[in-house]
């Protein structure tokens, strides 16, 4: 593997240092029917492995932009009969840009473990925003916590929180409103797990905002 990477990077084959390998996460891909596929530009070569981009400042990039927009604006084929609808009318929504990348980032920096319970069953874990994206929060590491799904729901509803000192707190309202919650109260006051990288640990200001607004106390 090192030899292959060295060849791609045009480095000395005997170089034994660690190579930095990046990746890309596609957050909002869309797909055309095969009949609408776009021919590969002449400037694209099969052996390209990194750093190839297109933008509207060059001829090929502008041509791709125009073709994609033309495909997206095409009306449905005339004379076709649609089957009976199985779903309701389509609605216009505002997509949460970067949500997929945020989920991958938070899952990775918390080593696939719930910050509160240390649960490792990945389908049961969710990337939670400390300050919701719709309320001004960002898709960034310091605004994220990896939480077990039930704790994420309670966190968003304000029944639990994390203090700026990185301790888990449970609202008395769980007991008052639902006459339950023993499992959650056993975790009350315990320190949470945080990313090893200090710069990616939860933002105290975001936690303070959660303590003062959604949290029910």
N, C-alpha and C. Protein backbone atom coordinates (compact mmCIF):
# COMPACT_ATOMS: atom_id res chain seq x y z
N UNK A 1 0.83 -1.20 0.00
CA UNK A 1 0.00 0.00 0.00
C UNK A 1 0.87 1.26 0.00
N UNK A 2 1.93 1.25 0.83
CA UNK A 2 2.83 2.41 0.86
C UNK A 2 3.47 2.64 -0.51
N UNK A 3 3.85 1.55 -1.16
CA UNK A 3 4.49 1.67 -2.46
C UNK A 3 3.54 2.29 -3.49
N UNK A 4 2.27 1.90 -3.43
CA UNK A 4 1.28 2.45 -4.36
C UNK A 4 1.07 3.94 -4.11
N UNK A 5 0.95 4.30 -2.83
CA UNK A 5 0.74 5.71 -2.49
C UNK A 5 1.94 6.54 -2.91
N UNK A 6 3.14 6.00 -2.65
CA UNK A 6 4.36 6.72 -3.02
C UNK A 6 4.40 6.97 -4.52
N UNK A 7 3.93 5.98 -5.31
CA UNK A 7 3.94 6.15 -6.76
C UNK A 7 2.96 7.24 -7.18
N UNK A 8 1.76 7.25 -6.58
CA UNK A 8 0.78 8.28 -6.91
C UNK A 8 1.26 9.68 -6.52
N UNK A 9 1.98 9.75 -5.41
CA UNK A 9 2.47 11.04 -4.93
C UNK A 9 3.82 11.43 -5.52
N UNK A 10 4.34 10.54 -6.36
CA UNK A 10 5.66 10.76 -6.96
C UNK A 10 6.72 10.96 -5.87
N UNK A 11 6.59 10.17 -4.81
CA UNK A 11 7.54 10.25 -3.69
C UNK A 11 8.56 9.12 -3.82
N UNK A 12 9.59 9.19 -3.00
CA UNK A 12 10.63 8.17 -2.97
C UNK A 12 9.99 6.85 -2.51
N UNK A 13 10.09 5.76 -3.27
CA UNK A 13 9.48 4.47 -2.88
C UNK A 13 9.95 3.97 -1.52
N UNK A 14 11.13 4.42 -1.08
CA UNK A 14 11.66 3.96 0.21
C UNK A 14 11.16 4.83 1.37
N UNK A 15 10.35 5.85 1.05
CA UNK A 15 9.84 6.75 2.08
C UNK A 15 8.93 5.98 3.02
N UNK A 16 9.29 5.91 4.32
CA UNK A 16 8.51 5.15 5.31
C UNK A 16 7.67 6.04 6.21
N UNK A 17 7.59 7.33 5.87
CA UNK A 17 6.78 8.23 6.72
C UNK A 17 5.30 7.99 6.46
N UNK A 18 4.46 8.45 7.37
CA UNK A 18 3.02 8.30 7.22
C UNK A 18 2.51 9.28 6.18
N UNK A 19 1.65 8.81 5.29
CA UNK A 19 1.03 9.66 4.29
C UNK A 19 -0.33 10.10 4.79
N UNK A 20 -0.63 11.37 4.59
CA UNK A 20 -1.96 11.86 4.95
C UNK A 20 -2.92 11.56 3.81
N UNK A 21 -3.98 10.82 4.09
CA UNK A 21 -4.96 10.43 3.08
C UNK A 21 -6.29 11.08 3.42
N UNK A 22 -6.82 11.89 2.52
CA UNK A 22 -8.08 12.56 2.77
C UNK A 22 -9.25 11.79 2.19
N UNK A 23 -10.46 12.31 2.44
CA UNK A 23 -11.66 11.71 1.88
C UNK A 23 -12.70 12.79 1.66
N UNK A 24 -13.72 12.46 0.91
CA UNK A 24 -14.81 13.39 0.65
C UNK A 24 -16.12 12.70 1.01
N UNK A 25 -17.06 13.46 1.57
CA UNK A 25 -18.38 12.95 1.88
C UNK A 25 -19.39 13.71 1.03
N UNK A 26 -20.14 13.00 0.21
CA UNK A 26 -21.18 13.63 -0.61
C UNK A 26 -22.43 13.76 0.23
N UNK A 27 -22.88 15.00 0.45
CA UNK A 27 -24.00 15.22 1.35
C UNK A 27 -25.36 15.31 0.66
N UNK A 28 -25.39 15.74 -0.60
CA UNK A 28 -26.67 15.87 -1.29
C UNK A 28 -26.55 15.46 -2.77
N UNK A 29 -26.21 14.21 -3.01
CA UNK A 29 -26.09 13.79 -4.41
C UNK A 29 -27.46 13.65 -5.07
N UNK A 30 -27.49 13.76 -6.39
CA UNK A 30 -28.71 13.44 -7.15
C UNK A 30 -28.28 12.66 -8.38
N UNK A 31 -29.21 11.94 -8.97
CA UNK A 31 -28.87 11.02 -10.04
C UNK A 31 -29.82 11.20 -11.22
N UNK A 32 -29.26 11.14 -12.43
CA UNK A 32 -30.05 11.20 -13.64
C UNK A 32 -30.35 9.78 -14.14
N UNK A 33 -31.45 9.66 -14.90
CA UNK A 33 -31.68 8.41 -15.61
C UNK A 33 -30.55 8.20 -16.62
N UNK A 34 -30.32 6.97 -16.97
CA UNK A 34 -29.20 6.67 -17.87
C UNK A 34 -29.31 7.43 -19.18
N UNK A 35 -30.53 7.65 -19.64
CA UNK A 35 -30.71 8.37 -20.91
C UNK A 35 -30.25 9.83 -20.82
N UNK A 36 -30.13 10.35 -19.60
CA UNK A 36 -29.71 11.74 -19.40
C UNK A 36 -28.27 11.86 -18.94
N UNK A 37 -27.53 10.76 -18.94
CA UNK A 37 -26.14 10.83 -18.51
C UNK A 37 -25.36 11.78 -19.40
N UNK A 38 -24.38 12.46 -18.82
CA UNK A 38 -23.60 13.48 -19.52
C UNK A 38 -22.26 12.89 -19.96
N UNK A 39 -21.87 13.08 -21.21
CA UNK A 39 -20.57 12.55 -21.68
C UNK A 39 -19.41 13.10 -20.84
N UNK A 40 -18.40 12.29 -20.65
CA UNK A 40 -17.23 12.70 -19.87
C UNK A 40 -16.49 13.80 -20.62
N UNK A 41 -16.15 14.92 -19.96
CA UNK A 41 -15.40 15.99 -20.64
C UNK A 41 -14.05 15.50 -21.14
N UNK A 42 -13.58 16.10 -22.20
CA UNK A 42 -12.29 15.71 -22.77
C UNK A 42 -11.15 15.92 -21.78
N UNK A 43 -11.31 16.87 -20.86
CA UNK A 43 -10.24 17.18 -19.90
C UNK A 43 -10.16 16.18 -18.76
N UNK A 44 -11.11 15.23 -18.71
CA UNK A 44 -11.09 14.24 -17.64
C UNK A 44 -10.29 13.02 -18.10
N UNK A 45 -9.36 12.57 -17.25
CA UNK A 45 -8.52 11.42 -17.59
C UNK A 45 -8.80 10.28 -16.61
N UNK A 46 -8.81 9.04 -17.07
CA UNK A 46 -9.10 7.91 -16.18
C UNK A 46 -8.13 7.76 -15.02
N UNK A 47 -6.90 8.28 -15.17
CA UNK A 47 -5.90 8.07 -14.11
C UNK A 47 -5.85 9.23 -13.11
N UNK A 48 -6.85 10.13 -13.13
CA UNK A 48 -6.89 11.20 -12.13
C UNK A 48 -7.24 10.60 -10.77
N UNK A 49 -6.45 10.91 -9.76
CA UNK A 49 -6.71 10.36 -8.43
C UNK A 49 -6.97 11.42 -7.38
N UNK A 50 -6.67 12.68 -7.65
CA UNK A 50 -6.89 13.69 -6.61
C UNK A 50 -6.89 15.09 -7.21
N UNK A 51 -7.59 15.98 -6.51
CA UNK A 51 -7.53 17.43 -6.75
C UNK A 51 -8.08 17.88 -8.10
N UNK A 52 -8.86 17.04 -8.79
CA UNK A 52 -9.46 17.47 -10.04
C UNK A 52 -10.82 18.09 -9.74
N UNK A 53 -11.02 19.30 -10.14
CA UNK A 53 -12.29 19.98 -9.90
C UNK A 53 -12.73 20.69 -11.17
N UNK A 54 -14.01 21.07 -11.19
CA UNK A 54 -14.55 21.89 -12.27
C UNK A 54 -15.28 23.07 -11.66
N UNK A 55 -15.18 24.23 -12.31
CA UNK A 55 -15.96 25.38 -11.88
C UNK A 55 -16.36 26.17 -13.12
N UNK A 56 -17.26 27.11 -12.92
CA UNK A 56 -17.79 27.85 -14.07
C UNK A 56 -16.81 28.86 -14.64
N UNK A 57 -15.62 28.94 -14.06
CA UNK A 57 -14.62 29.85 -14.59
C UNK A 57 -13.85 29.29 -15.77
N UNK A 58 -14.02 27.97 -16.06
CA UNK A 58 -13.36 27.42 -17.24
C UNK A 58 -14.42 26.84 -18.17
N UNK A 59 -14.05 26.56 -19.39
CA UNK A 59 -15.01 26.17 -20.43
C UNK A 59 -15.72 24.86 -20.09
N UNK A 60 -14.95 23.84 -19.67
CA UNK A 60 -15.57 22.55 -19.36
C UNK A 60 -16.50 22.65 -18.16
N UNK A 61 -16.08 23.40 -17.15
CA UNK A 61 -16.93 23.57 -15.97
C UNK A 61 -18.22 24.28 -16.30
N UNK A 62 -18.14 25.33 -17.09
CA UNK A 62 -19.34 26.07 -17.48
C UNK A 62 -20.27 25.20 -18.32
N UNK A 63 -19.68 24.41 -19.21
CA UNK A 63 -20.50 23.52 -20.04
C UNK A 63 -21.23 22.49 -19.18
N UNK A 64 -20.53 21.92 -18.19
CA UNK A 64 -21.17 20.96 -17.28
C UNK A 64 -22.32 21.62 -16.51
N UNK A 65 -22.08 22.81 -16.02
CA UNK A 65 -23.11 23.56 -15.27
C UNK A 65 -24.35 23.75 -16.13
N UNK A 66 -24.14 24.17 -17.38
CA UNK A 66 -25.27 24.43 -18.28
C UNK A 66 -26.04 23.14 -18.59
N UNK A 67 -25.30 22.05 -18.82
CA UNK A 67 -25.96 20.79 -19.16
C UNK A 67 -26.77 20.26 -17.97
N UNK A 68 -26.19 20.33 -16.77
CA UNK A 68 -26.91 19.86 -15.57
C UNK A 68 -28.19 20.67 -15.37
N UNK A 69 -28.10 21.98 -15.50
CA UNK A 69 -29.28 22.81 -15.33
C UNK A 69 -30.33 22.50 -16.40
N UNK A 70 -29.87 22.25 -17.61
CA UNK A 70 -30.81 21.91 -18.69
C UNK A 70 -31.54 20.60 -18.37
N UNK A 71 -30.80 19.60 -17.85
CA UNK A 71 -31.41 18.32 -17.49
C UNK A 71 -32.44 18.50 -16.37
N UNK A 72 -32.10 19.32 -15.38
CA UNK A 72 -33.00 19.50 -14.24
C UNK A 72 -34.28 20.22 -14.61
N UNK A 73 -34.24 21.04 -15.67
CA UNK A 73 -35.41 21.82 -16.05
C UNK A 73 -36.31 21.10 -17.06
N UNK A 74 -35.93 19.91 -17.49
CA UNK A 74 -36.73 19.22 -18.50
C UNK A 74 -38.09 18.83 -17.93
N UNK A 75 -39.17 19.04 -18.68
CA UNK A 75 -40.50 18.61 -18.24
C UNK A 75 -40.65 17.11 -18.38
N UNK A 76 -41.69 16.57 -17.78
CA UNK A 76 -41.96 15.15 -17.93
C UNK A 76 -42.32 14.86 -19.38
N UNK A 77 -42.07 13.65 -19.82
CA UNK A 77 -42.37 13.29 -21.20
C UNK A 77 -43.87 13.38 -21.46
N UNK A 78 -44.29 14.01 -22.58
CA UNK A 78 -45.72 14.13 -22.87
C UNK A 78 -46.32 12.79 -23.25
N UNK A 79 -47.60 12.61 -22.94
CA UNK A 79 -48.32 11.41 -23.35
C UNK A 79 -48.16 10.24 -22.42
N UNK A 80 -47.40 10.38 -21.35
CA UNK A 80 -47.24 9.28 -20.42
C UNK A 80 -48.37 9.30 -19.40
N UNK A 81 -48.77 8.14 -18.95
CA UNK A 81 -49.86 8.02 -17.97
C UNK A 81 -49.25 7.61 -16.65
N UNK A 82 -49.49 8.41 -15.63
CA UNK A 82 -48.91 8.13 -14.33
C UNK A 82 -49.79 7.16 -13.56
N UNK A 83 -49.15 6.26 -12.86
CA UNK A 83 -49.89 5.33 -12.01
C UNK A 83 -50.54 6.08 -10.87
N UNK A 84 -51.51 5.45 -10.22
CA UNK A 84 -52.19 6.08 -9.09
C UNK A 84 -51.18 6.42 -8.01
N UNK A 85 -51.29 7.62 -7.50
CA UNK A 85 -50.32 8.11 -6.51
C UNK A 85 -50.36 7.26 -5.25
N UNK A 86 -49.18 6.94 -4.74
CA UNK A 86 -49.07 6.19 -3.49
C UNK A 86 -48.67 7.09 -2.33
N UNK A 87 -48.32 8.36 -2.63
CA UNK A 87 -47.88 9.28 -1.60
C UNK A 87 -48.62 10.60 -1.77
N UNK A 88 -48.52 11.48 -0.80
CA UNK A 88 -49.17 12.77 -0.85
C UNK A 88 -48.48 13.71 -1.81
N UNK A 89 -49.02 14.92 -1.90
CA UNK A 89 -48.45 15.92 -2.78
C UNK A 89 -47.04 16.30 -2.33
N UNK A 90 -46.11 16.52 -3.26
CA UNK A 90 -44.75 16.93 -2.87
C UNK A 90 -44.77 18.30 -2.21
N UNK A 91 -43.85 18.50 -1.29
CA UNK A 91 -43.76 19.76 -0.57
C UNK A 91 -42.34 20.30 -0.68
N UNK A 92 -42.22 21.61 -0.74
CA UNK A 92 -40.92 22.25 -0.78
C UNK A 92 -40.36 22.32 0.63
N UNK A 93 -39.15 21.84 0.82
CA UNK A 93 -38.51 21.88 2.13
C UNK A 93 -37.18 22.60 2.02
N UNK A 94 -36.66 23.06 3.14
CA UNK A 94 -35.34 23.68 3.18
C UNK A 94 -34.35 22.65 3.70
N UNK A 95 -33.48 22.12 2.83
CA UNK A 95 -32.56 21.07 3.25
C UNK A 95 -31.57 21.57 4.28
N UNK A 96 -31.16 20.67 5.18
CA UNK A 96 -30.16 20.99 6.19
C UNK A 96 -28.79 20.68 5.60
N UNK A 97 -28.17 21.69 5.03
CA UNK A 97 -26.91 21.51 4.33
C UNK A 97 -25.83 21.00 5.29
N UNK A 98 -25.17 19.96 4.87
CA UNK A 98 -24.06 19.44 5.67
C UNK A 98 -24.44 18.48 6.76
N UNK A 99 -25.71 18.08 6.88
CA UNK A 99 -26.14 17.20 7.94
C UNK A 99 -25.43 15.85 7.88
N UNK A 100 -25.27 15.30 6.67
CA UNK A 100 -24.61 14.00 6.54
C UNK A 100 -23.16 14.05 6.99
N UNK A 101 -22.45 15.10 6.58
CA UNK A 101 -21.05 15.25 6.98
C UNK A 101 -20.95 15.45 8.49
N UNK A 102 -21.89 16.20 9.06
CA UNK A 102 -21.89 16.42 10.51
C UNK A 102 -22.04 15.09 11.25
N UNK A 103 -22.94 14.25 10.77
CA UNK A 103 -23.17 12.95 11.42
C UNK A 103 -21.91 12.09 11.37
N UNK A 104 -21.25 12.07 10.22
CA UNK A 104 -20.03 11.28 10.09
C UNK A 104 -18.94 11.81 11.01
N UNK A 105 -18.78 13.13 11.04
CA UNK A 105 -17.75 13.76 11.88
C UNK A 105 -17.95 13.44 13.35
N UNK A 106 -19.16 13.66 13.85
CA UNK A 106 -19.43 13.46 15.28
C UNK A 106 -19.28 11.99 15.66
N UNK A 107 -19.78 11.10 14.80
CA UNK A 107 -19.64 9.67 15.08
C UNK A 107 -18.17 9.28 15.18
N UNK A 108 -17.35 9.86 14.33
CA UNK A 108 -15.92 9.53 14.31
C UNK A 108 -15.18 10.07 15.52
N UNK A 109 -15.39 11.34 15.87
CA UNK A 109 -14.60 11.92 16.96
C UNK A 109 -14.99 11.36 18.33
N UNK A 110 -16.19 10.78 18.43
CA UNK A 110 -16.60 10.15 19.69
C UNK A 110 -16.34 8.64 19.68
N UNK A 111 -15.56 8.19 18.67
CA UNK A 111 -15.16 6.79 18.58
C UNK A 111 -16.34 5.83 18.62
N UNK A 112 -17.47 6.27 18.02
CA UNK A 112 -18.66 5.44 17.90
C UNK A 112 -19.19 4.99 19.26
N UNK A 113 -19.10 5.85 20.24
CA UNK A 113 -19.63 5.56 21.58
C UNK A 113 -20.49 6.73 22.06
N UNK A 114 -21.61 6.42 22.67
CA UNK A 114 -22.44 7.46 23.27
C UNK A 114 -21.63 8.19 24.33
N UNK A 115 -21.67 9.51 24.32
CA UNK A 115 -20.90 10.31 25.27
C UNK A 115 -21.39 10.12 26.70
N UNK A 116 -22.62 9.65 26.86
CA UNK A 116 -23.20 9.50 28.21
C UNK A 116 -23.11 8.06 28.70
N UNK A 117 -23.60 7.11 27.89
CA UNK A 117 -23.72 5.72 28.33
C UNK A 117 -22.60 4.82 27.82
N UNK A 118 -21.81 5.30 26.86
CA UNK A 118 -20.76 4.51 26.20
C UNK A 118 -21.33 3.40 25.32
N UNK A 119 -22.62 3.49 25.01
CA UNK A 119 -23.24 2.51 24.11
C UNK A 119 -22.50 2.50 22.77
N UNK A 120 -22.28 1.29 22.21
CA UNK A 120 -21.52 1.17 20.96
C UNK A 120 -22.34 0.61 19.81
N UNK A 121 -23.63 0.34 20.02
CA UNK A 121 -24.47 -0.19 18.95
C UNK A 121 -24.79 0.95 17.99
N UNK A 122 -24.11 0.97 16.86
CA UNK A 122 -24.15 2.13 15.97
C UNK A 122 -25.56 2.54 15.53
N UNK A 123 -26.47 1.60 15.18
CA UNK A 123 -27.81 2.03 14.77
C UNK A 123 -28.58 2.75 15.87
N UNK A 124 -28.14 2.59 17.13
CA UNK A 124 -28.83 3.24 18.25
C UNK A 124 -28.23 4.60 18.59
N UNK A 125 -27.19 5.03 17.84
CA UNK A 125 -26.51 6.28 18.14
C UNK A 125 -26.86 7.36 17.13
N UNK A 126 -26.94 8.60 17.59
CA UNK A 126 -27.28 9.73 16.73
C UNK A 126 -26.40 10.92 17.06
N UNK A 127 -26.08 11.69 16.03
CA UNK A 127 -25.31 12.92 16.21
C UNK A 127 -26.27 14.04 16.60
N UNK A 128 -26.13 14.56 17.80
CA UNK A 128 -27.02 15.60 18.31
C UNK A 128 -26.36 16.97 18.21
N UNK A 129 -27.15 17.96 17.80
CA UNK A 129 -26.69 19.35 17.87
C UNK A 129 -26.94 19.88 19.28
N UNK A 130 -25.95 20.50 19.88
CA UNK A 130 -26.16 21.13 21.18
C UNK A 130 -27.11 22.32 21.01
N UNK A 131 -26.77 23.20 20.09
CA UNK A 131 -27.69 24.26 19.70
C UNK A 131 -28.25 23.89 18.34
N UNK A 132 -29.56 23.73 18.20
CA UNK A 132 -30.13 23.24 16.95
C UNK A 132 -29.70 24.06 15.75
N UNK A 133 -29.56 23.38 14.63
CA UNK A 133 -29.17 24.05 13.39
C UNK A 133 -30.20 25.12 13.02
N UNK A 134 -31.47 24.82 13.22
CA UNK A 134 -32.52 25.79 12.89
C UNK A 134 -32.56 26.98 13.81
N UNK A 135 -31.82 26.90 14.93
CA UNK A 135 -31.81 28.01 15.89
C UNK A 135 -30.44 28.67 15.94
N UNK A 136 -29.69 28.53 14.85
CA UNK A 136 -28.40 29.22 14.78
C UNK A 136 -27.19 28.35 15.04
N UNK A 137 -27.39 27.08 15.40
CA UNK A 137 -26.25 26.19 15.62
C UNK A 137 -25.59 25.80 14.30
N UNK A 138 -24.35 25.36 14.38
CA UNK A 138 -23.60 25.02 13.18
C UNK A 138 -23.35 23.52 13.10
N UNK A 139 -23.09 23.03 11.88
CA UNK A 139 -22.68 21.64 11.67
C UNK A 139 -21.18 21.56 11.93
N UNK A 140 -20.78 21.62 13.19
CA UNK A 140 -19.36 21.55 13.51
C UNK A 140 -19.16 20.72 14.76
N UNK A 141 -17.94 20.22 14.92
CA UNK A 141 -17.64 19.28 16.00
C UNK A 141 -18.02 19.84 17.37
N UNK A 142 -17.69 21.10 17.63
CA UNK A 142 -17.92 21.68 18.96
C UNK A 142 -19.41 21.91 19.26
N UNK A 143 -20.25 21.75 18.27
CA UNK A 143 -21.69 21.86 18.49
C UNK A 143 -22.35 20.49 18.45
N UNK A 144 -21.57 19.43 18.60
CA UNK A 144 -22.12 18.09 18.48
C UNK A 144 -21.84 17.20 19.68
N UNK A 145 -22.74 16.25 19.89
CA UNK A 145 -22.59 15.19 20.88
C UNK A 145 -23.10 13.90 20.24
N UNK A 146 -22.42 12.80 20.46
CA UNK A 146 -22.93 11.51 20.01
C UNK A 146 -23.71 10.89 21.16
N UNK A 147 -25.01 10.69 20.94
CA UNK A 147 -25.89 10.23 22.01
C UNK A 147 -26.71 9.02 21.59
N UNK A 148 -27.00 8.18 22.55
CA UNK A 148 -27.96 7.10 22.31
C UNK A 148 -29.31 7.72 21.95
N UNK A 149 -30.08 7.08 21.11
CA UNK A 149 -31.27 7.69 20.53
C UNK A 149 -32.24 8.22 21.57
N UNK A 150 -32.49 7.47 22.64
CA UNK A 150 -33.45 7.94 23.65
C UNK A 150 -32.93 9.17 24.38
N UNK A 151 -31.62 9.20 24.64
CA UNK A 151 -31.05 10.37 25.32
C UNK A 151 -31.04 11.57 24.39
N UNK A 152 -30.82 11.34 23.10
CA UNK A 152 -30.90 12.43 22.13
C UNK A 152 -32.29 13.06 22.15
N UNK A 153 -33.33 12.22 22.18
CA UNK A 153 -34.70 12.74 22.21
C UNK A 153 -34.95 13.55 23.47
N UNK A 154 -34.47 13.06 24.60
CA UNK A 154 -34.64 13.79 25.86
C UNK A 154 -33.83 15.08 25.85
N UNK A 155 -32.66 15.06 25.24
CA UNK A 155 -31.81 16.25 25.16
C UNK A 155 -32.50 17.33 24.34
N UNK A 156 -33.05 16.95 23.18
CA UNK A 156 -33.73 17.93 22.34
C UNK A 156 -34.99 18.48 23.01
N UNK A 157 -35.66 17.64 23.80
CA UNK A 157 -36.89 18.06 24.48
C UNK A 157 -36.62 18.81 25.78
N UNK A 158 -35.35 18.86 26.20
CA UNK A 158 -35.00 19.62 27.40
C UNK A 158 -35.09 18.86 28.71
N UNK A 159 -35.24 17.54 28.65
CA UNK A 159 -35.34 16.77 29.89
C UNK A 159 -33.96 16.38 30.44
N UNK A 160 -32.91 16.49 29.62
CA UNK A 160 -31.54 16.27 30.08
C UNK A 160 -30.66 17.33 29.43
N UNK A 161 -29.49 17.52 30.00
CA UNK A 161 -28.54 18.47 29.42
C UNK A 161 -27.13 18.08 29.81
N UNK A 162 -26.17 18.81 29.28
CA UNK A 162 -24.76 18.67 29.66
C UNK A 162 -24.29 20.05 30.08
N UNK A 163 -23.69 20.15 31.25
CA UNK A 163 -23.26 21.44 31.76
C UNK A 163 -21.97 21.89 31.08
N UNK A 164 -21.63 23.18 31.17
CA UNK A 164 -20.35 23.65 30.62
C UNK A 164 -19.15 22.94 31.24
N UNK A 165 -19.36 22.36 32.43
CA UNK A 165 -18.29 21.59 33.07
C UNK A 165 -18.27 20.14 32.58
N UNK A 166 -19.10 19.84 31.57
CA UNK A 166 -19.14 18.53 30.92
C UNK A 166 -19.65 17.43 31.83
N UNK A 167 -20.71 17.76 32.59
CA UNK A 167 -21.40 16.77 33.41
C UNK A 167 -22.84 16.63 32.94
N UNK A 168 -23.35 15.42 33.01
CA UNK A 168 -24.70 15.10 32.56
C UNK A 168 -25.70 15.43 33.66
N UNK A 169 -26.77 16.13 33.31
CA UNK A 169 -27.81 16.47 34.28
C UNK A 169 -29.17 16.03 33.77
N UNK A 170 -30.01 15.58 34.68
CA UNK A 170 -31.34 15.09 34.36
C UNK A 170 -32.37 15.95 35.08
N UNK A 171 -33.36 16.42 34.34
CA UNK A 171 -34.39 17.29 34.91
C UNK A 171 -35.31 16.52 35.86
N UNK A 172 -35.75 17.19 36.90
CA UNK A 172 -36.73 16.60 37.81
C UNK A 172 -38.06 16.37 37.12
N UNK A 173 -38.27 17.01 35.96
CA UNK A 173 -39.55 16.92 35.27
C UNK A 173 -39.83 15.50 34.77
N UNK A 174 -38.79 14.70 34.53
CA UNK A 174 -39.03 13.32 34.09
C UNK A 174 -39.81 12.58 35.16
N UNK A 175 -39.40 12.71 36.41
CA UNK A 175 -40.09 12.06 37.52
C UNK A 175 -41.48 12.67 37.72
N UNK A 176 -41.56 13.99 37.67
CA UNK A 176 -42.84 14.67 37.92
C UNK A 176 -43.88 14.37 36.84
N UNK A 177 -43.45 14.33 35.59
CA UNK A 177 -44.40 14.18 34.49
C UNK A 177 -44.66 12.73 34.09
N UNK A 178 -43.66 11.86 34.29
CA UNK A 178 -43.82 10.49 33.80
C UNK A 178 -43.68 9.44 34.90
N UNK A 179 -43.36 9.86 36.11
CA UNK A 179 -43.22 8.95 37.25
C UNK A 179 -42.27 7.80 36.93
N UNK A 180 -41.18 8.15 36.29
CA UNK A 180 -40.20 7.15 35.89
C UNK A 180 -38.85 7.84 35.72
N UNK A 181 -37.87 7.15 35.15
CA UNK A 181 -36.59 7.77 34.85
C UNK A 181 -35.44 7.31 35.71
N UNK A 182 -35.62 6.22 36.49
CA UNK A 182 -34.58 5.79 37.40
C UNK A 182 -33.26 5.56 36.67
N UNK A 183 -33.33 4.95 35.48
CA UNK A 183 -32.11 4.67 34.73
C UNK A 183 -31.36 5.97 34.40
N UNK A 184 -32.10 7.03 34.07
CA UNK A 184 -31.47 8.30 33.71
C UNK A 184 -30.91 9.00 34.94
N UNK A 185 -31.65 8.94 36.06
CA UNK A 185 -31.16 9.60 37.28
C UNK A 185 -29.88 8.95 37.81
N UNK A 186 -29.67 7.67 37.48
CA UNK A 186 -28.43 7.00 37.89
C UNK A 186 -27.21 7.63 37.20
N UNK A 187 -27.45 8.28 36.06
CA UNK A 187 -26.36 8.92 35.31
C UNK A 187 -26.18 10.38 35.69
N UNK A 188 -27.07 10.91 36.49
CA UNK A 188 -27.05 12.35 36.84
C UNK A 188 -25.74 12.73 37.53
N UNK A 189 -25.12 13.79 37.03
CA UNK A 189 -23.91 14.32 37.65
C UNK A 189 -22.62 13.68 37.17
N UNK A 190 -22.71 12.65 36.34
CA UNK A 190 -21.50 11.97 35.90
C UNK A 190 -20.85 12.74 34.74
N UNK A 191 -19.52 12.74 34.66
CA UNK A 191 -18.83 13.40 33.54
C UNK A 191 -19.08 12.64 32.25
N UNK A 192 -19.17 13.37 31.16
CA UNK A 192 -19.37 12.73 29.87
C UNK A 192 -18.02 12.40 29.24
N UNK A 193 -18.05 11.53 28.26
CA UNK A 193 -16.85 11.25 27.47
C UNK A 193 -16.72 12.33 26.40
N UNK A 194 -15.50 12.75 26.12
CA UNK A 194 -15.27 13.82 25.14
C UNK A 194 -14.21 13.39 24.14
N UNK A 195 -14.15 14.04 22.98
CA UNK A 195 -13.12 13.71 21.98
C UNK A 195 -11.72 13.94 22.53
N UNK A 196 -10.79 13.15 22.06
CA UNK A 196 -9.40 13.30 22.50
C UNK A 196 -8.83 14.65 22.08
N UNK A 197 -9.27 15.16 20.93
CA UNK A 197 -8.82 16.46 20.44
C UNK A 197 -9.54 17.57 21.22
N UNK A 198 -8.80 18.32 22.01
CA UNK A 198 -9.39 19.36 22.84
C UNK A 198 -10.16 20.37 22.00
N UNK A 199 -9.70 20.66 20.81
CA UNK A 199 -10.34 21.66 19.97
C UNK A 199 -11.69 21.20 19.43
N UNK A 200 -12.01 19.93 19.60
CA UNK A 200 -13.28 19.39 19.11
C UNK A 200 -14.25 19.05 20.24
N UNK A 201 -13.87 19.39 21.45
CA UNK A 201 -14.76 19.12 22.58
C UNK A 201 -15.92 20.12 22.60
N UNK A 202 -17.03 19.77 23.26
CA UNK A 202 -18.23 20.63 23.23
C UNK A 202 -17.94 22.06 23.65
N UNK A 203 -18.51 22.99 22.92
CA UNK A 203 -18.34 24.42 23.18
C UNK A 203 -19.09 24.81 24.45
N UNK A 204 -18.41 25.33 25.48
CA UNK A 204 -19.09 25.72 26.73
C UNK A 204 -20.22 26.71 26.51
N UNK A 205 -20.07 27.61 25.54
CA UNK A 205 -21.12 28.59 25.28
C UNK A 205 -22.37 27.92 24.72
N UNK A 206 -22.17 26.95 23.84
CA UNK A 206 -23.32 26.21 23.31
C UNK A 206 -24.01 25.41 24.41
N UNK A 207 -23.21 24.80 25.30
CA UNK A 207 -23.78 24.06 26.42
C UNK A 207 -24.52 25.00 27.37
N UNK A 208 -23.97 26.17 27.61
CA UNK A 208 -24.64 27.14 28.47
C UNK A 208 -25.97 27.56 27.87
N UNK A 209 -25.98 27.72 26.54
CA UNK A 209 -27.24 28.08 25.86
C UNK A 209 -28.27 26.98 26.08
N UNK A 210 -27.85 25.72 25.97
CA UNK A 210 -28.80 24.61 26.16
C UNK A 210 -29.28 24.57 27.61
N UNK A 211 -28.39 24.82 28.55
CA UNK A 211 -28.79 24.85 29.97
C UNK A 211 -29.83 25.90 30.25
N UNK A 212 -29.71 27.04 29.57
CA UNK A 212 -30.57 28.18 29.88
C UNK A 212 -31.85 28.24 29.05
N UNK A 213 -31.92 27.47 27.97
CA UNK A 213 -33.11 27.57 27.10
C UNK A 213 -33.90 26.26 27.01
N UNK A 214 -33.43 25.25 26.27
CA UNK A 214 -34.29 24.06 26.20
C UNK A 214 -34.43 23.30 27.52
N UNK A 215 -33.38 23.30 28.34
CA UNK A 215 -33.39 22.47 29.55
C UNK A 215 -34.47 22.92 30.52
N UNK A 216 -35.20 21.94 31.04
CA UNK A 216 -36.36 22.21 31.90
C UNK A 216 -36.00 22.29 33.37
N UNK A 217 -34.78 22.02 33.72
CA UNK A 217 -34.32 22.22 35.10
C UNK A 217 -34.84 21.18 36.08
